[in-house]
C-alpha atoms as a PDB file:
ATOM      1  CA  MET A   1      36.031 163.768  86.927  1.00  0.00           C
ATOM      2  CA  ASN A   2      34.998 162.023  90.083  1.00  0.00           C
ATOM      3  CA  LEU A   3      34.881 163.336  93.585  1.00  0.00           C
ATOM      4  CA  ALA A   4      38.065 161.717  94.660  1.00  0.00           C
ATOM      5  CA  VAL A   5      40.062 163.503  91.939  1.00  0.00           C
ATOM      6  CA  TYR A   6      38.402 166.825  92.992  1.00  0.00           C
ATOM      7  CA  LEU A   7      39.304 166.272  96.610  1.00  0.00           C
ATOM      8  CA  ARG A   8      43.021 165.460  95.760  1.00  0.00           C
ATOM      9  CA  ARG A   9      43.350 168.353  93.441  1.00  0.00           C
ATOM     10  CA  TYR A  10      41.523 171.121  95.451  1.00  0.00           C
ATOM     11  CA  TRP A  11      41.865 169.764  99.007  1.00  0.00           C
ATOM     12  CA  GLN A  12      42.937 173.256 100.287  1.00  0.00           C
ATOM     13  CA  LEU A  13      39.698 174.723  99.234  1.00  0.00           C
ATOM     14  CA  TYR A  14      37.608 171.886 100.750  1.00  0.00           C
ATOM     15  CA  ALA A  15      39.635 172.317 104.021  1.00  0.00           C
ATOM     16  CA  LEU A  16      38.817 176.006 104.188  1.00  0.00           C
ATOM     17  CA  LEU A  17      35.132 174.989 104.009  1.00  0.00           C
ATOM     18  CA  VAL A  18      35.313 172.764 107.169  1.00  0.00           C
ATOM     19  CA  LEU A  19      34.909 175.515 109.761  1.00  0.00           C
ATOM     20  CA  PRO A  20      32.086 177.379 108.020  1.00  0.00           C
ATOM     21  CA  VAL A  21      30.142 174.160 107.503  1.00  0.00           C
ATOM     22  CA  CYS A  22      30.655 173.151 111.141  1.00  0.00           C
ATOM     23  CA  TYR A  23      29.513 176.544 112.140  1.00  0.00           C
ATOM     24  CA  PHE A  24      26.299 176.221 110.241  1.00  0.00           C
ATOM     25  CA  ILE A  25      25.679 172.693 111.339  1.00  0.00           C
ATOM     26  CA  VAL A  26      26.175 173.476 115.081  1.00  0.00           C
ATOM     27  CA  PHE A  27      24.550 176.948 115.300  1.00  0.00           C
ATOM     28  CA  LYS A  28      22.043 176.928 112.464  1.00  0.00           C
ATOM     29  CA  TYR A  29      20.822 173.468 111.769  1.00  0.00           C
ATOM     30  CA  ALA A  30      21.147 171.792 115.145  1.00  0.00           C
ATOM     31  CA  PRO A  31      18.939 174.322 116.899  1.00  0.00           C
ATOM     32  CA  MET A  32      16.153 173.574 114.465  1.00  0.00           C
ATOM     33  CA  TYR A  33      15.387 170.600 116.650  1.00  0.00           C
ATOM     34  CA  GLY A  34      13.868 173.196 119.077  1.00  0.00           C
ATOM     35  CA  ILE A  35      11.036 173.726 116.689  1.00  0.00           C
ATOM     36  CA  LEU A  36       9.358 170.714 118.265  1.00  0.00           C
ATOM     37  CA  ILE A  37       8.650 172.980 121.289  1.00  0.00           C
ATOM     38  CA  ALA A  38       5.971 174.661 119.223  1.00  0.00           C
ATOM     39  CA  PHE A  39       4.086 171.410 119.061  1.00  0.00           C
ATOM     40  CA  LYS A  40       4.431 170.371 122.666  1.00  0.00           C
ATOM     41  CA  ASP A  41       3.338 171.588 126.103  1.00  0.00           C
ATOM     42  CA  PHE A  42       6.932 172.301 126.876  1.00  0.00           C
ATOM     43  CA  ASN A  43       8.113 171.680 130.433  1.00  0.00           C
ATOM     44  CA  PHE A  44      11.511 172.959 131.296  1.00  0.00           C
ATOM     45  CA  PHE A  45      12.279 170.040 133.658  1.00  0.00           C
ATOM     46  CA  GLN A  46      10.968 167.253 131.409  1.00  0.00           C
ATOM     47  CA  GLY A  47      12.808 168.570 128.293  1.00  0.00           C
ATOM     48  CA  ILE A  48      11.665 168.493 124.671  1.00  0.00           C
ATOM     49  CA  ASN A  49      11.290 164.766 124.375  1.00  0.00           C
ATOM     50  CA  GLY A  50       9.498 164.413 127.747  1.00  0.00           C
ATOM     51  CA  SER A  51       6.972 167.090 127.162  1.00  0.00           C
ATOM     52  CA  GLU A  52       3.396 166.168 126.112  1.00  0.00           C
ATOM     53  CA  TRP A  53       2.611 166.437 122.368  1.00  0.00           C
ATOM     54  CA  ILE A  54      -0.259 168.954 121.756  1.00  0.00           C
ATOM     55  CA  GLY A  55      -0.076 169.415 117.969  1.00  0.00           C
ATOM     56  CA  PHE A  56      -1.403 172.757 116.723  1.00  0.00           C
ATOM     57  CA  GLU A  57      -3.100 173.750 119.988  1.00  0.00           C
ATOM     58  CA  ALA A  58      -0.498 176.445 120.751  1.00  0.00           C
ATOM     59  CA  PHE A  59      -0.825 177.864 117.220  1.00  0.00           C
ATOM     60  CA  LYS A  60      -4.570 178.243 117.767  1.00  0.00           C
ATOM     61  CA  GLU A  61      -3.902 179.940 121.101  1.00  0.00           C
ATOM     62  CA  VAL A  62      -1.398 182.391 119.602  1.00  0.00           C
ATOM     63  CA  PHE A  63      -3.667 183.178 116.622  1.00  0.00           C
ATOM     64  CA  ALA A  64      -6.515 183.942 118.942  1.00  0.00           C
ATOM     65  CA  MET A  65      -4.534 186.546 120.832  1.00  0.00           C
ATOM     66  CA  LYS A  66      -5.359 190.257 120.125  1.00  0.00           C
ATOM     67  CA  ASP A  67      -1.831 191.275 121.091  1.00  0.00           C
ATOM     68  CA  PHE A  68      -0.315 188.971 118.458  1.00  0.00           C
ATOM     69  CA  TYR A  69      -2.119 190.823 115.611  1.00  0.00           C
ATOM     70  CA  LYS A  70      -1.282 194.183 117.073  1.00  0.00           C
ATOM     71  CA  THR A  71       2.385 193.298 117.274  1.00  0.00           C
ATOM     72  CA  LEU A  72       2.307 191.759 113.819  1.00  0.00           C
ATOM     73  CA  ARG A  73       0.783 195.020 112.492  1.00  0.00           C
ATOM     74  CA  ASN A  74       3.411 197.162 114.166  1.00  0.00           C
ATOM     75  CA  THR A  75       6.190 194.874 112.931  1.00  0.00           C
ATOM     76  CA  LEU A  76       5.081 195.136 109.312  1.00  0.00           C
ATOM     77  CA  MET A  77       4.418 198.843 109.620  1.00  0.00           C
ATOM     78  CA  LEU A  78       7.830 199.645 111.175  1.00  0.00           C
ATOM     79  CA  ASN A  79       9.729 197.467 108.764  1.00  0.00           C
ATOM     80  CA  PHE A  80       7.810 198.857 105.751  1.00  0.00           C
ATOM     81  CA  LEU A  81       8.495 202.414 106.792  1.00  0.00           C
ATOM     82  CA  ASP A  82      12.134 201.528 107.530  1.00  0.00           C
ATOM     83  CA  LEU A  83      12.331 200.001 103.953  1.00  0.00           C
ATOM     84  CA  LEU A  84      11.007 203.358 102.525  1.00  0.00           C
ATOM     85  CA  VAL A  85      13.240 205.592 104.553  1.00  0.00           C
ATOM     86  CA  SER A  86      16.320 203.621 105.572  1.00  0.00           C
ATOM     87  CA  PHE A  87      16.833 201.495 102.456  1.00  0.00           C
ATOM     88  CA  PRO A  88      17.481 204.395  99.991  1.00  0.00           C
ATOM     89  CA  ALA A  89      19.743 206.370 102.430  1.00  0.00           C
ATOM     90  CA  PRO A  90      22.844 204.254 102.091  1.00  0.00           C
ATOM     91  CA  LEU A  91      22.519 204.443  98.216  1.00  0.00           C
ATOM     92  CA  PHE A  92      22.364 208.287  98.235  1.00  0.00           C
ATOM     93  CA  LEU A  93      25.218 208.551 100.758  1.00  0.00           C
ATOM     94  CA  ALA A  94      27.374 206.127  98.715  1.00  0.00           C
ATOM     95  CA  ILE A  95      26.725 208.127  95.518  1.00  0.00           C
ATOM     96  CA  MET A  96      27.556 211.468  97.234  1.00  0.00           C
ATOM     97  CA  LEU A  97      30.764 210.042  98.821  1.00  0.00           C
ATOM     98  CA  TYR A  98      31.755 208.495  95.421  1.00  0.00           C
ATOM     99  CA  GLU A  99      31.359 211.898  93.782  1.00  0.00           C
ATOM    100  CA  LEU A 100      33.568 213.738  96.280  1.00  0.00           C
ATOM    101  CA  LYS A 101      36.963 214.708  94.804  1.00  0.00           C
ATOM    102  CA  THR A 102      38.726 215.787  97.989  1.00  0.00           C
ATOM    103  CA  ALA A 103      40.321 212.572  99.421  1.00  0.00           C
ATOM    104  CA  TRP A 104      40.761 213.687 103.020  1.00  0.00           C
ATOM    105  CA  PHE A 105      37.251 215.043 103.342  1.00  0.00           C
ATOM    106  CA  LYS A 106      35.835 211.772 101.842  1.00  0.00           C
ATOM    107  CA  LYS A 107      37.716 209.646 104.350  1.00  0.00           C
ATOM    108  CA  LEU A 108      36.630 211.871 107.279  1.00  0.00           C
ATOM    109  CA  SER A 109      33.035 211.739 106.091  1.00  0.00           C
ATOM    110  CA  GLN A 110      33.142 207.922 105.816  1.00  0.00           C
ATOM    111  CA  THR A 111      34.515 207.593 109.297  1.00  0.00           C
ATOM    112  CA  ILE A 112      31.864 209.941 110.854  1.00  0.00           C
ATOM    113  CA  LEU A 113      29.114 208.090 109.087  1.00  0.00           C
ATOM    114  CA  TYR A 114      30.381 204.597 110.079  1.00  0.00           C
ATOM    115  CA  ILE A 115      30.788 205.252 113.799  1.00  0.00           C
ATOM    116  CA  PRO A 116      27.041 205.030 114.837  1.00  0.00           C
ATOM    117  CA  HIS A 117      26.967 201.363 113.641  1.00  0.00           C
ATOM    118  CA  PHE A 118      29.489 200.390 116.358  1.00  0.00           C
ATOM    119  CA  ILE A 119      27.434 202.038 119.235  1.00  0.00           C
ATOM    120  CA  SER A 120      25.281 199.693 121.248  1.00  0.00           C
ATOM    121  CA  TRP A 121      21.526 200.330 121.058  1.00  0.00           C
ATOM    122  CA  VAL A 122      21.478 200.649 124.856  1.00  0.00           C
ATOM    123  CA  ILE A 123      23.880 203.598 124.534  1.00  0.00           C
ATOM    124  CA  ILE A 124      21.917 205.011 121.581  1.00  0.00           C
ATOM    125  CA  GLY A 125      18.810 204.729 123.725  1.00  0.00           C
ATOM    126  CA  GLY A 126      20.397 206.916 126.353  1.00  0.00           C
ATOM    127  CA  ILE A 127      21.429 209.464 123.712  1.00  0.00           C
ATOM    128  CA  VAL A 128      17.933 209.477 122.406  1.00  0.00           C
ATOM    129  CA  TYR A 129      16.404 210.281 125.716  1.00  0.00           C
ATOM    130  CA  GLN A 130      19.089 212.920 126.428  1.00  0.00           C
ATOM    131  CA  VAL A 131      18.466 214.583 123.136  1.00  0.00           C
ATOM    132  CA  PHE A 132      14.682 214.086 122.506  1.00  0.00           C
ATOM    133  CA  GLY A 133      13.301 213.787 126.083  1.00  0.00           C
ATOM    134  CA  THR A 134      10.209 215.932 126.797  1.00  0.00           C
ATOM    135  CA  GLN A 135      11.281 217.299 130.078  1.00  0.00           C
ATOM    136  CA  SER A 136      15.061 217.296 130.051  1.00  0.00           C
ATOM    137  CA  GLY A 137      15.985 216.706 126.310  1.00  0.00           C
ATOM    138  CA  MET A 138      18.383 219.064 124.694  1.00  0.00           C
ATOM    139  CA  ILE A 139      16.165 219.826 121.751  1.00  0.00           C
ATOM    140  CA  ASN A 140      13.109 220.612 123.909  1.00  0.00           C
ATOM    141  CA  ASN A 141      15.131 222.701 126.158  1.00  0.00           C
ATOM    142  CA  ILE A 142      16.077 224.841 123.260  1.00  0.00           C
ATOM    143  CA  ILE A 143      12.561 224.904 122.047  1.00  0.00           C
ATOM    144  CA  THR A 144      11.038 225.933 125.432  1.00  0.00           C
ATOM    145  CA  SER A 145      13.734 228.575 125.984  1.00  0.00           C
ATOM    146  CA  MET A 146      12.504 230.244 122.802  1.00  0.00           C
ATOM    147  CA  GLY A 147       8.915 230.280 124.157  1.00  0.00           C
ATOM    148  CA  PHE A 148       7.491 227.348 122.289  1.00  0.00           C
ATOM    149  CA  GLU A 149       5.842 224.239 123.655  1.00  0.00           C
ATOM    150  CA  ALA A 150       7.920 221.132 124.068  1.00  0.00           C
ATOM    151  CA  ILE A 151       7.436 218.478 121.398  1.00  0.00           C
ATOM    152  CA  PRO A 152       6.631 214.939 122.804  1.00  0.00           C
ATOM    153  CA  PHE A 153       9.168 213.095 120.579  1.00  0.00           C
ATOM    154  CA  LEU A 154       9.031 210.019 122.769  1.00  0.00           C
ATOM    155  CA  THR A 155       5.506 210.069 124.294  1.00  0.00           C
ATOM    156  CA  ASP A 156       3.289 210.735 121.253  1.00  0.00           C
ATOM    157  CA  LYS A 157       2.817 207.907 118.920  1.00  0.00           C
ATOM    158  CA  ASN A 158       3.289 209.816 115.675  1.00  0.00           C
ATOM    159  CA  ASP A 159       6.280 211.847 116.905  1.00  0.00           C
ATOM    160  CA  TRP A 160       7.829 208.756 118.383  1.00  0.00           C
ATOM    161  CA  LEU A 161       7.452 207.002 114.980  1.00  0.00           C
ATOM    162  CA  ILE A 162       9.355 209.821 113.194  1.00  0.00           C
ATOM    163  CA  THR A 163      12.067 209.684 115.948  1.00  0.00           C
ATOM    164  CA  TYR A 164      12.282 205.861 115.551  1.00  0.00           C
ATOM    165  CA  LEU A 165      12.845 206.083 111.843  1.00  0.00           C
ATOM    166  CA  ALA A 166      15.295 209.005 112.021  1.00  0.00           C
ATOM    167  CA  VAL A 167      17.414 207.256 114.673  1.00  0.00           C
ATOM    168  CA  GLY A 168      17.394 204.137 112.484  1.00  0.00           C
ATOM    169  CA  VAL A 169      18.712 205.959 109.495  1.00  0.00           C
ATOM    170  CA  TRP A 170      21.345 207.693 111.592  1.00  0.00           C
ATOM    171  CA  GLN A 171      22.541 204.354 112.969  1.00  0.00           C
ATOM    172  CA  SER A 172      22.543 202.181 109.839  1.00  0.00           C
ATOM    173  CA  ALA A 173      22.971 204.327 106.767  1.00  0.00           C
ATOM    174  CA  GLY A 174      26.696 204.896 107.043  1.00  0.00           C
ATOM    175  CA  TRP A 175      27.504 201.248 107.377  1.00  0.00           C
ATOM    176  CA  GLY A 176      25.220 200.355 104.494  1.00  0.00           C
ATOM    177  CA  THR A 177      27.208 202.630 102.234  1.00  0.00           C
ATOM    178  CA  ILE A 178      30.161 200.163 102.336  1.00  0.00           C
ATOM    179  CA  ILE A 179      28.447 197.641 100.004  1.00  0.00           C
ATOM    180  CA  TYR A 180      27.403 200.329  97.579  1.00  0.00           C
ATOM    181  CA  LEU A 181      30.918 201.913  97.582  1.00  0.00           C
ATOM    182  CA  ALA A 182      32.471 198.511  96.860  1.00  0.00           C
ATOM    183  CA  ALA A 183      30.031 198.048  93.933  1.00  0.00           C
ATOM    184  CA  LEU A 184      30.903 201.662  92.691  1.00  0.00           C
ATOM    185  CA  THR A 185      34.586 200.948  92.535  1.00  0.00           C
ATOM    186  CA  GLY A 186      33.803 198.184  89.988  1.00  0.00           C
ATOM    187  CA  ILE A 187      32.256 200.490  87.410  1.00  0.00           C
ATOM    188  CA  ASN A 188      34.362 200.923  84.302  1.00  0.00           C
ATOM    189  CA  ARG A 189      35.804 204.474  84.418  1.00  0.00           C
ATOM    190  CA  GLU A 190      35.806 204.585  80.570  1.00  0.00           C
ATOM    191  CA  LEU A 191      31.982 204.865  80.708  1.00  0.00           C
ATOM    192  CA  PHE A 192      32.365 208.120  82.604  1.00  0.00           C
ATOM    193  CA  GLU A 193      35.021 209.298  80.218  1.00  0.00           C
ATOM    194  CA  ALA A 194      32.830 208.591  77.249  1.00  0.00           C
ATOM    195  CA  ALA A 195      29.977 210.465  78.969  1.00  0.00           C
ATOM    196  CA  ASP A 196      32.318 213.466  79.448  1.00  0.00           C
ATOM    197  CA  VAL A 197      33.022 213.457  75.747  1.00  0.00           C
ATOM    198  CA  ASP A 198      29.371 213.485  74.949  1.00  0.00           C
ATOM    199  CA  GLY A 199      28.842 216.479  77.252  1.00  0.00           C
ATOM    200  CA  ALA A 200      26.884 214.619  79.984  1.00  0.00           C
ATOM    201  CA  GLY A 201      26.633 216.489  83.276  1.00  0.00           C
ATOM    202  CA  ARG A 202      27.129 214.915  86.759  1.00  0.00           C
ATOM    203  CA  LEU A 203      23.456 214.166  87.354  1.00  0.00           C
ATOM    204  CA  ARG A 204      23.181 212.510  83.903  1.00  0.00           C
ATOM    205  CA  LYS A 205      26.140 210.325  84.566  1.00  0.00           C
ATOM    206  CA  ILE A 206      24.596 209.212  87.837  1.00  0.00           C
ATOM    207  CA  TRP A 207      21.301 208.515  86.231  1.00  0.00           C
ATOM    208  CA  SER A 208      22.604 206.730  83.085  1.00  0.00           C
ATOM    209  CA  ILE A 209      25.770 204.979  84.479  1.00  0.00           C
ATOM    210  CA  THR A 210      25.977 204.860  88.252  1.00  0.00           C
ATOM    211  CA  LEU A 211      22.383 203.692  89.057  1.00  0.00           C
ATOM    212  CA  PRO A 212      22.206 201.132  86.256  1.00  0.00           C
ATOM    213  CA  SER A 213      25.518 199.642  87.369  1.00  0.00           C
ATOM    214  CA  LEU A 214      24.223 199.372  90.910  1.00  0.00           C
ATOM    215  CA  LYS A 215      20.996 197.701  89.896  1.00  0.00           C
ATOM    216  CA  PRO A 216      22.138 194.103  90.780  1.00  0.00           C
ATOM    217  CA  THR A 217      23.299 195.234  94.161  1.00  0.00           C
ATOM    218  CA  ILE A 218      20.044 197.127  94.843  1.00  0.00           C
ATOM    219  CA  VAL A 219      17.976 194.215  93.981  1.00  0.00           C
ATOM    220  CA  THR A 220      19.913 191.776  96.058  1.00  0.00           C
ATOM    221  CA  LEU A 221      19.742 194.028  99.124  1.00  0.00           C
ATOM    222  CA  LEU A 222      16.083 194.625  98.485  1.00  0.00           C
ATOM    223  CA  ILE A 223      15.434 190.862  98.526  1.00  0.00           C
ATOM    224  CA  ILE A 224      17.406 190.456 101.821  1.00  0.00           C
ATOM    225  CA  ASN A 225      15.418 193.373 103.382  1.00  0.00           C
ATOM    226  CA  LEU A 226      12.103 191.907 102.230  1.00  0.00           C
ATOM    227  CA  GLY A 227      13.126 188.625 103.864  1.00  0.00           C
ATOM    228  CA  HIS A 228      13.449 190.435 107.175  1.00  0.00           C
ATOM    229  CA  MET A 229      10.087 192.192 106.728  1.00  0.00           C
ATOM    230  CA  ILE A 230       8.407 189.937 109.298  1.00  0.00           C
ATOM    231  CA  ALA A 231      11.322 189.843 111.631  1.00  0.00           C
ATOM    232  CA  ILE A 232      12.556 192.820 113.633  1.00  0.00           C
ATOM    233  CA  GLY A 233      15.342 193.398 116.067  1.00  0.00           C
ATOM    234  CA  PHE A 234      14.559 193.465 119.724  1.00  0.00           C
ATOM    235  CA  ASP A 235      17.106 196.176 120.880  1.00  0.00           C
ATOM    236  CA  ARG A 236      15.782 199.179 118.921  1.00  0.00           C
ATOM    237  CA  PRO A 237      11.999 199.157 119.709  1.00  0.00           C
ATOM    238  CA  PHE A 238      12.605 197.953 123.309  1.00  0.00           C
ATOM    239  CA  VAL A 239      15.162 200.544 124.209  1.00  0.00           C
ATOM    240  CA  ILE A 240      13.437 203.493 122.453  1.00  0.00           C
ATOM    241  CA  GLY A 241       9.859 202.427 123.144  1.00  0.00           C
ATOM    242  CA  ASN A 242       7.832 202.900 126.376  1.00  0.00           C
ATOM    243  CA  THR A 243       4.422 202.290 127.665  1.00  0.00           C
ATOM    244  CA  ALA A 244       3.080 205.617 126.355  1.00  0.00           C
ATOM    245  CA  VAL A 245       3.767 204.517 122.754  1.00  0.00           C
ATOM    246  CA  ARG A 246       3.139 200.782 123.119  1.00  0.00           C
ATOM    247  CA  ASP A 247       0.569 200.931 120.415  1.00  0.00           C
ATOM    248  CA  TYR A 248       3.362 201.387 117.972  1.00  0.00           C
ATOM    249  CA  SER A 249       6.502 200.187 119.752  1.00  0.00           C
ATOM    250  CA  ASP A 250       5.203 196.706 120.760  1.00  0.00           C
ATOM    251  CA  VAL A 251       6.433 194.348 118.016  1.00  0.00           C
ATOM    252  CA  LEU A 252       6.794 190.602 117.608  1.00  0.00           C
ATOM    253  CA  SER A 253      10.288 190.439 119.193  1.00  0.00           C
ATOM    254  CA  THR A 254       9.161 192.254 122.327  1.00  0.00           C
ATOM    255  CA  PHE A 255       5.938 190.115 122.328  1.00  0.00           C
ATOM    256  CA  VAL A 256       8.129 186.922 122.344  1.00  0.00           C
ATOM    257  CA  TYR A 257      10.265 188.420 125.158  1.00  0.00           C
ATOM    258  CA  ARG A 258       7.110 189.007 127.275  1.00  0.00           C
ATOM    259  CA  ILE A 259       5.483 185.621 126.739  1.00  0.00           C
ATOM    260  CA  GLY A 260       8.725 183.586 126.582  1.00  0.00           C
ATOM    261  CA  ILE A 261      11.127 185.140 129.011  1.00  0.00           C
ATOM    262  CA  GLU A 262       8.931 187.075 131.406  1.00  0.00           C
ATOM    263  CA  SER A 263       5.930 184.679 131.504  1.00  0.00           C
ATOM    264  CA  GLY A 264       7.801 181.361 130.880  1.00  0.00           C
ATOM    265  CA  GLN A 265       5.424 180.358 128.030  1.00  0.00           C
ATOM    266  CA  TYR A 266       8.131 178.888 125.849  1.00  0.00           C
ATOM    267  CA  THR A 267       5.697 176.995 123.625  1.00  0.00           C
ATOM    268  CA  LEU A 268       3.854 180.129 122.530  1.00  0.00           C
ATOM    269  CA  ALA A 269       7.131 182.027 122.073  1.00  0.00           C
ATOM    270  CA  THR A 270       8.398 179.227 119.843  1.00  0.00           C
ATOM    271  CA  VAL A 271       5.142 179.391 117.764  1.00  0.00           C
ATOM    272  CA  VAL A 272       5.700 183.015 117.114  1.00  0.00           C
ATOM    273  CA  GLY A 273       9.320 182.480 116.231  1.00  0.00           C
ATOM    274  CA  LEU A 274       8.322 179.685 113.819  1.00  0.00           C
ATOM    275  CA  PHE A 275       5.701 181.897 112.266  1.00  0.00           C
ATOM    276  CA  GLN A 276       8.192 184.626 111.640  1.00  0.00           C
ATOM    277  CA  ALA A 277      10.689 182.181 110.113  1.00  0.00           C
ATOM    278  CA  VAL A 278       8.106 180.704 107.667  1.00  0.00           C
ATOM    279  CA  VAL A 279       6.642 183.978 106.634  1.00  0.00           C
ATOM    280  CA  GLY A 280      10.197 185.475 106.202  1.00  0.00           C
ATOM    281  CA  LEU A 281      11.023 182.469 103.842  1.00  0.00           C
ATOM    282  CA  VAL A 282       7.881 183.214 101.821  1.00  0.00           C
ATOM    283  CA  PHE A 283       8.857 186.934 101.454  1.00  0.00           C
ATOM    284  CA  VAL A 284      12.370 186.025 100.342  1.00  0.00           C
ATOM    285  CA  LEU A 285      11.232 183.438  97.788  1.00  0.00           C
ATOM    286  CA  GLY A 286       8.478 185.805  96.530  1.00  0.00           C
ATOM    287  CA  ALA A 287      10.946 188.740  96.142  1.00  0.00           C
ATOM    288  CA  ASN A 288      13.469 186.491  94.434  1.00  0.00           C
ATOM    289  CA  TYR A 289      10.867 185.223  92.035  1.00  0.00           C
ATOM    290  CA  ALA A 290       9.626 188.742  91.248  1.00  0.00           C
ATOM    291  CA  SER A 291      13.171 190.030  90.632  1.00  0.00           C
ATOM    292  CA  LYS A 292      13.858 187.212  88.206  1.00  0.00           C
ATOM    293  CA  LYS A 293      10.731 187.949  86.363  1.00  0.00           C
ATOM    294  CA  LEU A 294      11.490 191.651  86.105  1.00  0.00           C
ATOM    295  CA  ALA A 295      14.996 190.774  84.908  1.00  0.00           C
ATOM    296  CA  ASP A 296      13.643 188.511  82.201  1.00  0.00           C
ATOM    297  CA  GLN A 297      11.225 191.139  81.017  1.00  0.00           C
ATOM    298  CA  SER A 298      14.036 193.793  80.810  1.00  0.00           C
ATOM    299  CA  ILE A 299      16.084 191.471  78.754  1.00  0.00           C
ATOM    300  CA  MET A 300      13.317 190.817  76.378  1.00  0.00           C
END
């Protein structure tokens, strides 16, 4: 069957694809032309085509910066710790919500857990400083009123790191449960009924039925998260971070902001962005390859 016959028979489906394809072309593929800035001494007034070609000189300059390696280390560290702490949280929450039998309490819990996802990081930053501030934070006010010393949640590097991870879990875990809950609804209930007949308890059913059924979803989300290992959002480290903890809070996104927006060195900022994109692609392809190998071994 040739293309013309497909178009006539399924033209509605092809018509639905027009807007998504246009979106990707305009907002995803067309901006790739800006990658040329990384290889040019970009001048804002001369534009991309008018700027002088410098090849890989900007890459050499970036890779010679000490701040680049420090922010790269912090980015990998924060993302790796986020993967360890934040990635399992939605899975555990989804299983707990799925096991709840009281419908109204289940819906109430879901609503409470989802709300933080819709709060801006700027607002969350204000909440963090009101709750964890050393001088005027609610928690430290309680601690000092009991005669203990205040905990520097936001000014000590290690305490800040714990606070950063905890706030990330609070903000993202509830929203992440949606995907797992959708996958849980697709599990055949007859499997649980058969387990009940065999005398399996709740934990055994979770281990032998629920988790294996969620394996494809877990692997897919893990691949996506590994693809973002080298990339990191700007809002969270910028809003929660400060100069006292810059050794941990300074990441690639804030580094790009400093050299690109504040200093006007667009070429260097583009080099860092291109580096993140290439390394992120390598992480995704590597994770995808590893997951396929593991799947093939499990089948064998």
